[in-house]
N, C-alpha and C. Protein backbone atom coordinates (compact mmCIF):
# COMPACT_ATOMS: atom_id res chain seq x y z
N MET A 1 0.84 -1.18 0.00
CA MET A 1 0.00 0.00 0.00
C MET A 1 0.88 1.24 0.00
N ALA A 2 0.53 2.22 -0.76
CA ALA A 2 1.32 3.44 -0.84
C ALA A 2 0.67 4.53 0.00
N MET A 3 1.33 4.91 1.08
CA MET A 3 0.90 6.03 1.90
C MET A 3 1.87 7.15 1.61
N SER A 4 1.44 8.38 1.78
CA SER A 4 2.35 9.46 1.42
C SER A 4 2.24 10.65 2.36
N THR A 5 3.40 11.15 2.77
CA THR A 5 3.51 12.50 3.31
C THR A 5 4.61 13.08 2.45
N THR A 6 4.30 14.05 1.71
CA THR A 6 5.14 14.58 0.64
C THR A 6 5.44 13.43 -0.31
N ALA A 7 6.73 13.08 -0.54
CA ALA A 7 7.05 12.05 -1.52
C ALA A 7 7.37 10.70 -0.87
N THR A 8 7.37 10.61 0.44
CA THR A 8 7.74 9.37 1.11
C THR A 8 6.58 8.39 1.13
N GLN A 9 6.86 7.15 0.81
CA GLN A 9 5.87 6.09 0.83
C GLN A 9 6.11 5.20 2.04
N ALA A 10 5.03 4.82 2.73
CA ALA A 10 5.16 3.92 3.88
C ALA A 10 5.56 2.54 3.38
N LYS A 11 6.51 1.94 4.09
CA LYS A 11 6.93 0.57 3.79
C LYS A 11 6.67 -0.25 5.04
N PHE A 12 5.70 -1.16 4.94
CA PHE A 12 5.27 -1.93 6.09
C PHE A 12 6.10 -3.20 6.24
N SER A 13 6.18 -3.69 7.48
CA SER A 13 6.88 -4.93 7.77
C SER A 13 6.17 -6.09 7.09
N ALA A 14 6.94 -7.09 6.71
CA ALA A 14 6.36 -8.30 6.11
C ALA A 14 5.34 -8.88 7.06
N GLY A 15 4.21 -9.30 6.52
CA GLY A 15 3.16 -9.91 7.33
C GLY A 15 2.18 -8.92 7.93
N SER A 16 2.39 -7.61 7.72
CA SER A 16 1.49 -6.60 8.27
C SER A 16 0.20 -6.54 7.47
N ASP A 17 -0.89 -6.21 8.13
CA ASP A 17 -2.16 -5.97 7.47
C ASP A 17 -2.11 -4.52 6.96
N GLU A 18 -1.64 -4.34 5.73
CA GLU A 18 -1.38 -3.01 5.20
C GLU A 18 -2.63 -2.14 5.11
N ALA A 19 -3.77 -2.73 4.79
CA ALA A 19 -4.99 -1.94 4.67
C ALA A 19 -5.39 -1.36 6.02
N ALA A 20 -5.38 -2.19 7.06
CA ALA A 20 -5.75 -1.72 8.40
C ALA A 20 -4.72 -0.72 8.93
N LEU A 21 -3.45 -1.04 8.75
CA LEU A 21 -2.40 -0.13 9.23
C LEU A 21 -2.43 1.19 8.47
N GLY A 22 -2.70 1.13 7.19
CA GLY A 22 -2.72 2.34 6.36
C GLY A 22 -3.72 3.36 6.86
N SER A 23 -4.92 2.91 7.24
CA SER A 23 -5.92 3.88 7.71
C SER A 23 -5.54 4.44 9.07
N LYS A 24 -4.98 3.61 9.96
CA LYS A 24 -4.53 4.11 11.26
C LYS A 24 -3.36 5.08 11.09
N LEU A 25 -2.47 4.76 10.17
CA LEU A 25 -1.31 5.60 9.91
C LEU A 25 -1.73 6.97 9.41
N GLN A 26 -2.70 7.00 8.51
CA GLN A 26 -3.14 8.27 7.92
C GLN A 26 -3.56 9.27 9.00
N SER A 27 -4.21 8.80 10.05
CA SER A 27 -4.68 9.73 11.09
C SER A 27 -3.53 10.29 11.93
N LEU A 28 -2.37 9.62 11.91
CA LEU A 28 -1.21 10.07 12.68
C LEU A 28 -0.33 11.05 11.91
N LEU A 29 -0.36 10.96 10.59
CA LEU A 29 0.57 11.73 9.77
C LEU A 29 0.25 13.22 9.75
N ALA A 30 1.30 14.01 9.69
CA ALA A 30 1.19 15.47 9.69
C ALA A 30 0.68 15.96 8.35
N THR A 31 -0.63 16.10 8.26
CA THR A 31 -1.25 16.67 7.07
C THR A 31 -2.30 17.67 7.53
N ALA A 32 -2.65 18.58 6.67
CA ALA A 32 -3.67 19.58 7.02
C ALA A 32 -5.01 18.90 7.31
N ALA A 33 -5.29 17.81 6.60
CA ALA A 33 -6.58 17.14 6.75
C ALA A 33 -6.71 16.42 8.09
N THR A 34 -5.62 15.80 8.56
CA THR A 34 -5.71 14.97 9.76
C THR A 34 -5.30 15.69 11.04
N GLY A 35 -4.43 16.67 10.93
CA GLY A 35 -3.92 17.33 12.12
C GLY A 35 -2.92 16.50 12.89
N GLY A 36 -2.52 15.34 12.32
CA GLY A 36 -1.52 14.51 12.95
C GLY A 36 -0.18 15.22 13.00
N ARG A 37 0.76 14.67 13.77
CA ARG A 37 2.05 15.36 13.94
C ARG A 37 3.23 14.46 13.62
N TRP A 38 2.97 13.23 13.19
CA TRP A 38 4.05 12.29 12.89
C TRP A 38 4.45 12.43 11.43
N ASN A 39 5.74 12.16 11.15
CA ASN A 39 6.25 12.16 9.79
C ASN A 39 6.88 10.81 9.50
N LEU A 40 6.74 10.37 8.26
CA LEU A 40 7.45 9.17 7.84
C LEU A 40 8.92 9.51 7.68
N ILE A 41 9.81 8.59 8.06
CA ILE A 41 11.23 8.80 7.83
C ILE A 41 11.49 8.63 6.34
N GLY A 42 12.65 9.06 5.87
CA GLY A 42 12.97 9.05 4.45
C GLY A 42 12.78 7.71 3.77
N SER A 43 13.09 6.62 4.45
CA SER A 43 12.96 5.29 3.86
C SER A 43 11.51 4.81 3.86
N GLY A 44 10.64 5.49 4.62
CA GLY A 44 9.25 5.06 4.74
C GLY A 44 9.06 3.94 5.74
N GLU A 45 10.13 3.54 6.41
CA GLU A 45 10.08 2.38 7.31
C GLU A 45 9.88 2.76 8.77
N GLY A 46 9.55 4.02 9.04
CA GLY A 46 9.34 4.43 10.42
C GLY A 46 8.61 5.75 10.51
N LEU A 47 8.17 6.08 11.73
CA LEU A 47 7.48 7.32 12.06
C LEU A 47 8.31 8.07 13.09
N GLU A 48 8.33 9.38 13.02
CA GLU A 48 9.08 10.15 14.01
C GLU A 48 8.40 11.49 14.28
N ARG A 49 8.66 11.98 15.49
CA ARG A 49 8.23 13.33 15.86
C ARG A 49 8.85 13.70 17.19
N SER A 50 8.79 15.00 17.50
CA SER A 50 9.29 15.52 18.77
C SER A 50 8.12 15.91 19.67
N PHE A 51 8.36 15.82 20.97
CA PHE A 51 7.39 16.19 21.98
C PHE A 51 8.06 17.20 22.91
N LYS A 52 7.37 18.29 23.21
CA LYS A 52 7.92 19.32 24.10
C LYS A 52 6.98 19.51 25.28
N PHE A 53 7.57 19.64 26.46
CA PHE A 53 6.81 19.84 27.69
C PHE A 53 7.34 21.07 28.42
N LYS A 54 6.62 21.53 29.43
CA LYS A 54 7.01 22.74 30.15
C LYS A 54 8.29 22.56 30.94
N THR A 55 8.51 21.38 31.49
CA THR A 55 9.66 21.16 32.36
C THR A 55 10.31 19.81 32.05
N PHE A 56 11.51 19.65 32.56
CA PHE A 56 12.19 18.36 32.45
C PHE A 56 11.41 17.28 33.19
N ALA A 57 10.85 17.62 34.35
CA ALA A 57 10.09 16.64 35.13
C ALA A 57 8.90 16.09 34.34
N LYS A 58 8.17 16.97 33.66
CA LYS A 58 7.04 16.52 32.84
C LYS A 58 7.53 15.64 31.68
N THR A 59 8.66 16.03 31.11
CA THR A 59 9.24 15.25 30.01
C THR A 59 9.63 13.87 30.51
N TRP A 60 10.26 13.82 31.67
CA TRP A 60 10.69 12.54 32.24
C TRP A 60 9.48 11.66 32.57
N ASP A 61 8.43 12.26 33.09
CA ASP A 61 7.20 11.51 33.39
C ASP A 61 6.62 10.91 32.10
N PHE A 62 6.60 11.71 31.04
CA PHE A 62 6.13 11.22 29.73
C PHE A 62 6.99 10.05 29.26
N MET A 63 8.30 10.20 29.33
CA MET A 63 9.19 9.13 28.88
C MET A 63 9.01 7.86 29.72
N THR A 64 8.79 8.02 31.00
CA THR A 64 8.54 6.87 31.87
C THR A 64 7.25 6.15 31.47
N ALA A 65 6.20 6.93 31.20
CA ALA A 65 4.93 6.34 30.78
C ALA A 65 5.09 5.61 29.44
N VAL A 66 5.85 6.21 28.51
CA VAL A 66 6.10 5.55 27.22
C VAL A 66 6.88 4.26 27.45
N SER A 67 7.88 4.30 28.34
CA SER A 67 8.69 3.10 28.57
C SER A 67 7.86 1.96 29.16
N LEU A 68 6.87 2.29 29.97
CA LEU A 68 5.99 1.25 30.50
C LEU A 68 5.17 0.61 29.39
N GLN A 69 4.72 1.42 28.45
CA GLN A 69 3.99 0.88 27.29
C GLN A 69 4.91 0.00 26.43
N CYS A 70 6.17 0.41 26.32
CA CYS A 70 7.15 -0.39 25.57
C CYS A 70 7.29 -1.77 26.20
N LYS A 71 7.35 -1.80 27.50
CA LYS A 71 7.48 -3.07 28.21
C LYS A 71 6.25 -3.94 27.96
N LEU A 72 5.07 -3.34 28.02
CA LEU A 72 3.83 -4.09 27.78
C LEU A 72 3.74 -4.63 26.36
N LYS A 73 4.19 -3.84 25.39
CA LYS A 73 4.10 -4.22 23.97
C LYS A 73 5.33 -4.98 23.48
N ASN A 74 6.37 -5.06 24.33
CA ASN A 74 7.63 -5.70 23.95
C ASN A 74 8.20 -5.08 22.67
N HIS A 75 8.33 -3.76 22.70
CA HIS A 75 8.82 -3.01 21.55
C HIS A 75 9.49 -1.74 22.07
N HIS A 76 10.49 -1.23 21.40
CA HIS A 76 11.16 -0.02 21.89
C HIS A 76 11.35 0.98 20.76
N PRO A 77 11.43 2.27 21.14
CA PRO A 77 11.67 3.32 20.14
C PRO A 77 13.16 3.61 20.00
N GLU A 78 13.48 4.36 18.98
CA GLU A 78 14.77 5.05 18.92
C GLU A 78 14.40 6.44 19.41
N TRP A 79 15.03 6.90 20.49
CA TRP A 79 14.65 8.20 21.02
C TRP A 79 15.82 8.92 21.64
N SER A 80 15.65 10.22 21.79
CA SER A 80 16.65 11.04 22.45
C SER A 80 15.91 12.13 23.21
N ASN A 81 16.59 12.67 24.21
CA ASN A 81 15.97 13.68 25.06
C ASN A 81 17.00 14.75 25.41
N VAL A 82 16.59 15.99 25.32
CA VAL A 82 17.36 17.12 25.83
C VAL A 82 16.37 18.01 26.58
N TYR A 83 16.60 18.16 27.87
CA TYR A 83 15.80 18.94 28.79
C TYR A 83 14.29 18.67 28.63
N ASN A 84 13.55 19.52 27.95
CA ASN A 84 12.10 19.35 27.90
C ASN A 84 11.58 18.88 26.54
N VAL A 85 12.46 18.35 25.71
CA VAL A 85 12.08 17.84 24.40
C VAL A 85 12.54 16.40 24.25
N THR A 86 11.63 15.56 23.77
CA THR A 86 11.95 14.17 23.47
C THR A 86 11.63 13.90 22.02
N PHE A 87 12.58 13.32 21.31
CA PHE A 87 12.40 12.92 19.91
C PHE A 87 12.18 11.41 19.92
N ILE A 88 11.12 10.96 19.24
CA ILE A 88 10.81 9.52 19.19
C ILE A 88 10.67 9.08 17.75
N ARG A 89 11.30 7.95 17.45
CA ARG A 89 11.13 7.29 16.15
C ARG A 89 10.69 5.85 16.42
N TRP A 90 9.60 5.47 15.77
CA TRP A 90 9.12 4.09 15.83
C TRP A 90 9.42 3.41 14.51
N THR A 91 10.11 2.29 14.56
CA THR A 91 10.38 1.46 13.39
C THR A 91 10.60 0.05 13.88
N THR A 92 10.44 -0.90 13.01
CA THR A 92 10.68 -2.29 13.37
C THR A 92 11.89 -2.78 12.59
N HIS A 93 12.83 -3.38 13.30
CA HIS A 93 14.08 -3.83 12.68
C HIS A 93 13.96 -5.23 12.10
N SER A 94 13.11 -6.06 12.68
CA SER A 94 12.99 -7.43 12.19
C SER A 94 11.56 -7.92 12.41
N PRO A 95 10.76 -8.08 11.33
CA PRO A 95 11.07 -7.75 9.95
C PRO A 95 11.02 -6.24 9.73
N LYS A 96 11.92 -5.77 8.91
CA LYS A 96 12.13 -4.34 8.68
C LYS A 96 10.87 -3.65 8.14
N GLY A 97 10.59 -2.45 8.66
CA GLY A 97 9.48 -1.65 8.16
C GLY A 97 8.57 -1.19 9.28
N LEU A 98 7.44 -0.59 8.90
CA LEU A 98 6.43 -0.16 9.86
C LEU A 98 5.57 -1.35 10.26
N SER A 99 5.36 -1.52 11.55
CA SER A 99 4.55 -2.63 12.03
C SER A 99 3.35 -2.10 12.81
N THR A 100 2.48 -3.01 13.15
CA THR A 100 1.32 -2.66 13.97
C THR A 100 1.77 -2.03 15.28
N LYS A 101 2.82 -2.58 15.90
CA LYS A 101 3.32 -2.03 17.16
C LYS A 101 3.78 -0.58 17.00
N ASP A 102 4.45 -0.28 15.89
CA ASP A 102 4.92 1.09 15.66
C ASP A 102 3.75 2.07 15.61
N VAL A 103 2.74 1.73 14.84
CA VAL A 103 1.59 2.61 14.66
C VAL A 103 0.81 2.74 15.97
N GLU A 104 0.59 1.61 16.67
CA GLU A 104 -0.12 1.66 17.93
C GLU A 104 0.63 2.49 18.97
N LEU A 105 1.94 2.29 19.07
CA LEU A 105 2.71 3.03 20.06
C LEU A 105 2.82 4.51 19.73
N ALA A 106 2.83 4.86 18.46
CA ALA A 106 2.81 6.28 18.08
C ALA A 106 1.51 6.92 18.57
N ALA A 107 0.40 6.23 18.38
CA ALA A 107 -0.90 6.76 18.85
C ALA A 107 -0.91 6.86 20.37
N ILE A 108 -0.34 5.87 21.05
CA ILE A 108 -0.26 5.91 22.52
C ILE A 108 0.58 7.11 22.96
N CYS A 109 1.69 7.37 22.27
CA CYS A 109 2.53 8.53 22.60
C CYS A 109 1.74 9.82 22.50
N ASP A 110 0.94 9.96 21.45
CA ASP A 110 0.12 11.16 21.29
C ASP A 110 -0.82 11.33 22.48
N SER A 111 -1.46 10.25 22.88
CA SER A 111 -2.39 10.29 24.00
C SER A 111 -1.67 10.64 25.31
N LEU A 112 -0.54 9.99 25.55
CA LEU A 112 0.24 10.28 26.76
C LEU A 112 0.73 11.73 26.77
N ALA A 113 1.15 12.22 25.60
CA ALA A 113 1.63 13.61 25.52
C ALA A 113 0.53 14.58 25.92
N ARG A 114 -0.68 14.33 25.47
CA ARG A 114 -1.81 15.18 25.88
C ARG A 114 -2.00 15.12 27.40
N ASP A 115 -1.93 13.89 27.94
CA ASP A 115 -2.12 13.70 29.38
C ASP A 115 -1.06 14.43 30.21
N PHE A 116 0.16 14.51 29.69
CA PHE A 116 1.26 15.13 30.43
C PHE A 116 1.47 16.61 30.08
N GLY A 117 0.55 17.18 29.29
CA GLY A 117 0.58 18.61 29.02
C GLY A 117 1.59 19.03 27.97
N GLU A 118 1.63 18.31 26.86
CA GLU A 118 2.55 18.67 25.77
C GLU A 118 2.34 20.13 25.37
N VAL A 119 3.44 20.83 25.15
CA VAL A 119 3.41 22.20 24.64
C VAL A 119 3.42 22.08 23.12
N VAL A 120 2.34 22.52 22.50
CA VAL A 120 2.21 22.41 21.04
C VAL A 120 2.58 23.74 20.42
N GLU A 121 3.63 23.72 19.61
CA GLU A 121 4.07 24.92 18.91
C GLU A 121 3.96 24.69 17.42
N GLU A 122 3.71 25.75 16.69
CA GLU A 122 3.69 25.66 15.24
C GLU A 122 5.11 25.46 14.74
N PRO A 123 5.33 24.52 13.80
CA PRO A 123 6.68 24.34 13.27
C PRO A 123 7.14 25.57 12.51
N GLN A 124 8.43 25.87 12.61
CA GLN A 124 8.97 27.00 11.88
C GLN A 124 9.16 26.62 10.42
N GLN A 125 9.23 27.60 9.57
CA GLN A 125 9.36 27.40 8.13
C GLN A 125 10.47 26.40 7.81
N GLY A 126 10.13 25.34 7.06
CA GLY A 126 11.12 24.37 6.61
C GLY A 126 11.58 23.40 7.67
N GLU A 127 11.03 23.51 8.87
CA GLU A 127 11.48 22.66 9.96
C GLU A 127 10.74 21.34 10.03
N GLY A 128 9.48 21.33 9.57
CA GLY A 128 8.70 20.11 9.60
C GLY A 128 8.37 19.64 11.01
N GLY A 129 8.55 20.51 12.00
CA GLY A 129 8.22 20.15 13.36
C GLY A 129 9.25 19.26 14.03
N GLN A 130 10.37 19.02 13.40
CA GLN A 130 11.38 18.13 13.95
C GLN A 130 12.64 18.92 14.30
N SER A 131 13.31 18.48 15.31
CA SER A 131 14.59 19.07 15.68
C SER A 131 15.69 18.28 14.99
N CYS A 132 16.41 18.93 14.08
CA CYS A 132 17.47 18.23 13.33
C CYS A 132 18.52 17.65 14.25
N ALA A 133 18.91 18.39 15.28
CA ALA A 133 19.94 17.89 16.19
C ALA A 133 19.46 16.65 16.91
N MET A 134 18.20 16.62 17.34
CA MET A 134 17.67 15.46 18.04
C MET A 134 17.55 14.27 17.10
N ARG A 135 17.12 14.51 15.86
CA ARG A 135 17.01 13.45 14.87
C ARG A 135 18.39 12.86 14.62
N ASN A 136 19.41 13.71 14.46
CA ASN A 136 20.76 13.23 14.21
C ASN A 136 21.29 12.43 15.39
N LEU A 137 20.96 12.87 16.60
CA LEU A 137 21.38 12.13 17.79
C LEU A 137 20.77 10.73 17.77
N ALA A 138 19.48 10.64 17.49
CA ALA A 138 18.82 9.34 17.43
C ALA A 138 19.43 8.48 16.33
N ASP A 139 19.73 9.07 15.17
CA ASP A 139 20.36 8.33 14.08
C ASP A 139 21.70 7.75 14.50
N THR A 140 22.51 8.57 15.17
CA THR A 140 23.85 8.14 15.60
C THR A 140 23.76 6.99 16.59
N VAL A 141 22.89 7.12 17.57
CA VAL A 141 22.76 6.07 18.57
C VAL A 141 22.19 4.80 17.96
N ALA A 142 21.18 4.93 17.10
CA ALA A 142 20.57 3.76 16.48
C ALA A 142 21.57 3.02 15.60
N SER A 143 22.41 3.75 14.87
CA SER A 143 23.37 3.07 14.01
C SER A 143 24.43 2.36 14.83
N GLY A 144 24.74 2.89 16.01
CA GLY A 144 25.71 2.23 16.88
C GLY A 144 25.16 0.97 17.51
N ALA A 145 23.84 0.92 17.74
CA ALA A 145 23.22 -0.26 18.35
C ALA A 145 23.07 -1.37 17.33
N GLY A 146 22.92 -0.99 16.06
CA GLY A 146 22.73 -1.99 15.03
C GLY A 146 21.41 -2.72 15.21
N ALA A 147 21.22 -3.76 14.45
CA ALA A 147 19.99 -4.53 14.51
C ALA A 147 19.99 -5.51 15.67
N GLU A 148 21.12 -5.62 16.38
CA GLU A 148 21.19 -6.60 17.45
C GLU A 148 20.23 -6.29 18.60
N CYS A 149 19.71 -5.07 18.64
CA CYS A 149 18.76 -4.73 19.71
C CYS A 149 17.49 -5.54 19.59
N CYS A 150 17.20 -6.05 18.42
CA CYS A 150 15.92 -6.73 18.19
C CYS A 150 16.08 -8.21 17.90
N ILE A 151 17.29 -8.71 17.99
CA ILE A 151 17.53 -10.13 17.74
C ILE A 151 17.66 -10.84 19.08
N PRO A 152 16.86 -11.90 19.29
CA PRO A 152 16.95 -12.61 20.56
C PRO A 152 18.37 -13.11 20.81
N LYS A 153 18.82 -12.91 22.04
CA LYS A 153 20.15 -13.36 22.43
C LYS A 153 20.11 -14.86 22.73
N PRO A 154 21.15 -15.60 22.34
CA PRO A 154 21.17 -17.03 22.67
C PRO A 154 21.28 -17.20 24.18
N LYS A 155 20.57 -18.20 24.69
CA LYS A 155 20.64 -18.46 26.13
C LYS A 155 21.96 -19.14 26.45
N THR A 156 22.56 -18.67 27.53
CA THR A 156 23.81 -19.27 27.97
C THR A 156 23.56 -19.99 29.29
N SER A 157 24.28 -21.06 29.48
CA SER A 157 24.13 -21.77 30.75
C SER A 157 25.06 -21.14 31.78
N SER A 158 24.55 -21.03 32.99
CA SER A 158 25.34 -20.40 34.05
C SER A 158 26.04 -21.42 34.89
């Protein structure tokens, strides 16, 4: 299924129900029609956006709530935080692409952000609502972790 924000097409994980995911994804994407705030990454294999709060404490509370959801869903984001801003990218490494968990957790993040008092600002011209420095930080950390973050570790005998 071809989803689009500008020229990027969504690329779903193998085995995903693309029709069902496509409609859920559309409501999250940053378009004038939906009011969503998420953007597809360049490869189309993930969603990303930044969240801003009034204080570091509120930001930390939000991140803690997201981490609890990650534990429940057995899935993790690529994310970075500086003071009161958190950048989150949802993607699935194996099988590669957007998965049901990515889309569901993005929606959960939006709900949690509202609950924790997200500060909503209009994106500046050409910014797309994303912090380039935070995105680059997440890229650097994610490339250092490699795909091994999502591959089950062999059990060792003690």
